[in-house]
C-alpha cells in the first residue's frame, strides 16, 4: 500500500517537474536568454575574424621587414667579401 502511494507521489512529482520545465522553456525570458547567447556567439565570431585580419597585417609587415634585413645583410656581406678578396682602398673610396 505504501509502495503504491509512493509511486503515485513520484508520478505527481514527475508531472509537476515536466510542467515547470515546459513553462520554463516556452517562456519569454528563456527565449531572450537564447537570443543573447546567439548574439554573443556572433560577436565572438566577428572578434575572431577581426583578430585574424590584424594578425595577417602584422605578419605581412614583419615579412617585409625580414626581407629588408636579408637584403641589407647581403649588401654588407658583399662589401666585406670585396675587401677580403683584395679590392684596394682606393676602389672602396670611389665606390662610396
Protein backbone atom coordinates (compact mmCIF):
# COMPACT_ATOMS: atom_id res chain seq x y z
CA UNK A 1 0.00 0.00 0.00
CA UNK A 2 2.83 2.41 0.94
CA UNK A 3 4.73 1.48 -2.24
CA UNK A 4 1.70 2.26 -4.39
CA UNK A 5 1.29 5.60 -2.62
CA UNK A 6 4.99 6.45 -3.15
CA UNK A 7 4.73 5.57 -6.84
CA UNK A 8 1.76 7.88 -7.15
CA UNK A 9 3.72 10.69 -5.49
CA UNK A 10 6.65 10.11 -7.82
CA UNK A 11 4.35 10.31 -10.86
CA UNK A 12 2.81 13.51 -9.50
CA UNK A 13 6.28 14.97 -8.85
CA UNK A 14 7.41 13.97 -12.33
CA UNK A 15 4.33 15.54 -13.92
CA UNK A 16 4.88 18.70 -11.88
CA UNK A 17 8.50 18.92 -12.94
CA UNK A 18 7.56 18.36 -16.57
CA UNK A 19 5.01 21.18 -16.36
CA UNK A 20 7.51 23.53 -14.74
CA UNK A 21 10.16 22.61 -17.31
CA UNK A 22 7.76 23.19 -20.20
CA UNK A 23 6.76 26.55 -18.73
CA UNK A 24 10.42 27.49 -18.44
CA UNK A 25 11.46 26.55 -21.97
CA UNK A 26 8.42 28.24 -23.53
CA UNK A 27 8.83 31.45 -21.52
CA UNK A 28 9.81 34.81 -22.99
CA UNK A 29 12.72 35.02 -20.56
CA UNK A 30 14.13 31.72 -21.80
CA UNK A 31 13.79 32.82 -25.44
CA UNK A 32 15.54 36.10 -24.59
CA UNK A 33 18.40 34.18 -22.96
CA UNK A 34 18.88 32.12 -26.12
CA UNK A 35 18.83 35.26 -28.28
CA UNK A 36 21.53 36.75 -26.05
CA UNK A 37 23.66 33.60 -26.34
CA UNK A 38 23.26 33.70 -30.14
CA UNK A 39 24.29 37.39 -30.21
CA UNK A 40 27.34 36.72 -28.03
CA UNK A 41 28.33 33.81 -30.27
CA UNK A 42 28.14 36.08 -33.32
CA UNK A 43 30.16 38.76 -31.50
CA UNK A 44 32.89 36.22 -30.72
CA UNK A 45 33.00 35.07 -34.35
CA UNK A 46 33.32 38.70 -35.51
CA UNK A 47 36.07 39.36 -32.97
CA UNK A 48 37.96 36.28 -34.17
CA UNK A 49 37.70 37.47 -37.78
CA UNK A 50 38.97 40.92 -36.80
CA UNK A 51 41.86 39.38 -34.86
CA UNK A 52 42.79 37.22 -37.86
CA UNK A 53 42.89 40.29 -40.13
CA UNK A 54 45.06 42.14 -37.61
CA UNK A 55 47.48 39.22 -37.39
CA UNK A 56 47.70 38.97 -41.17
CA UNK A 57 48.57 42.67 -41.37
CA UNK A 58 51.30 42.27 -38.76
CA UNK A 59 52.67 39.15 -40.47
CA UNK A 60 52.78 40.95 -43.83
CA UNK A 61 54.70 43.89 -42.32
CA UNK A 62 57.04 41.51 -40.47
CA UNK A 63 57.72 39.62 -43.69
CA UNK A 64 58.58 42.87 -45.47
CA UNK A 65 60.95 43.91 -42.69
CA UNK A 66 62.58 40.47 -42.69
CA UNK A 67 63.18 40.75 -46.43
CA UNK A 68 64.71 44.21 -45.97
CA UNK A 69 67.02 42.86 -43.24
CA UNK A 70 68.12 39.99 -45.51
CA UNK A 71 68.82 42.46 -48.34
CA UNK A 72 70.88 44.70 -46.02
CA UNK A 73 72.85 41.71 -44.74
CA UNK A 74 73.59 40.57 -48.31
CA UNK A 75 74.87 44.05 -49.12
CA UNK A 76 77.10 44.06 -46.02
CA UNK A 77 78.35 40.57 -46.88
CA UNK A 78 79.13 41.66 -50.41
CA UNK A 79 81.12 44.68 -49.21
CA UNK A 80 83.08 42.58 -46.70
CA UNK A 81 83.78 39.98 -49.39
CA UNK A 82 85.08 42.70 -51.70
CA UNK A 83 87.54 43.85 -49.02
CA UNK A 84 88.65 40.32 -48.20
CA UNK A 85 89.11 39.39 -51.86
CA UNK A 86 91.58 42.20 -52.22
CA UNK A 87 89.83 45.25 -53.59
CA UNK A 88 92.13 48.18 -52.90
CA UNK A 89 91.32 51.04 -50.54
CA UNK A 90 91.17 53.45 -53.50
CA UNK A 91 88.49 51.40 -55.15
CA UNK A 92 86.43 51.35 -51.92
CA UNK A 93 86.62 55.14 -51.63
CA UNK A 94 85.44 55.56 -55.21
CA UNK A 95 82.55 53.17 -54.64
CA UNK A 96 81.40 55.14 -51.59
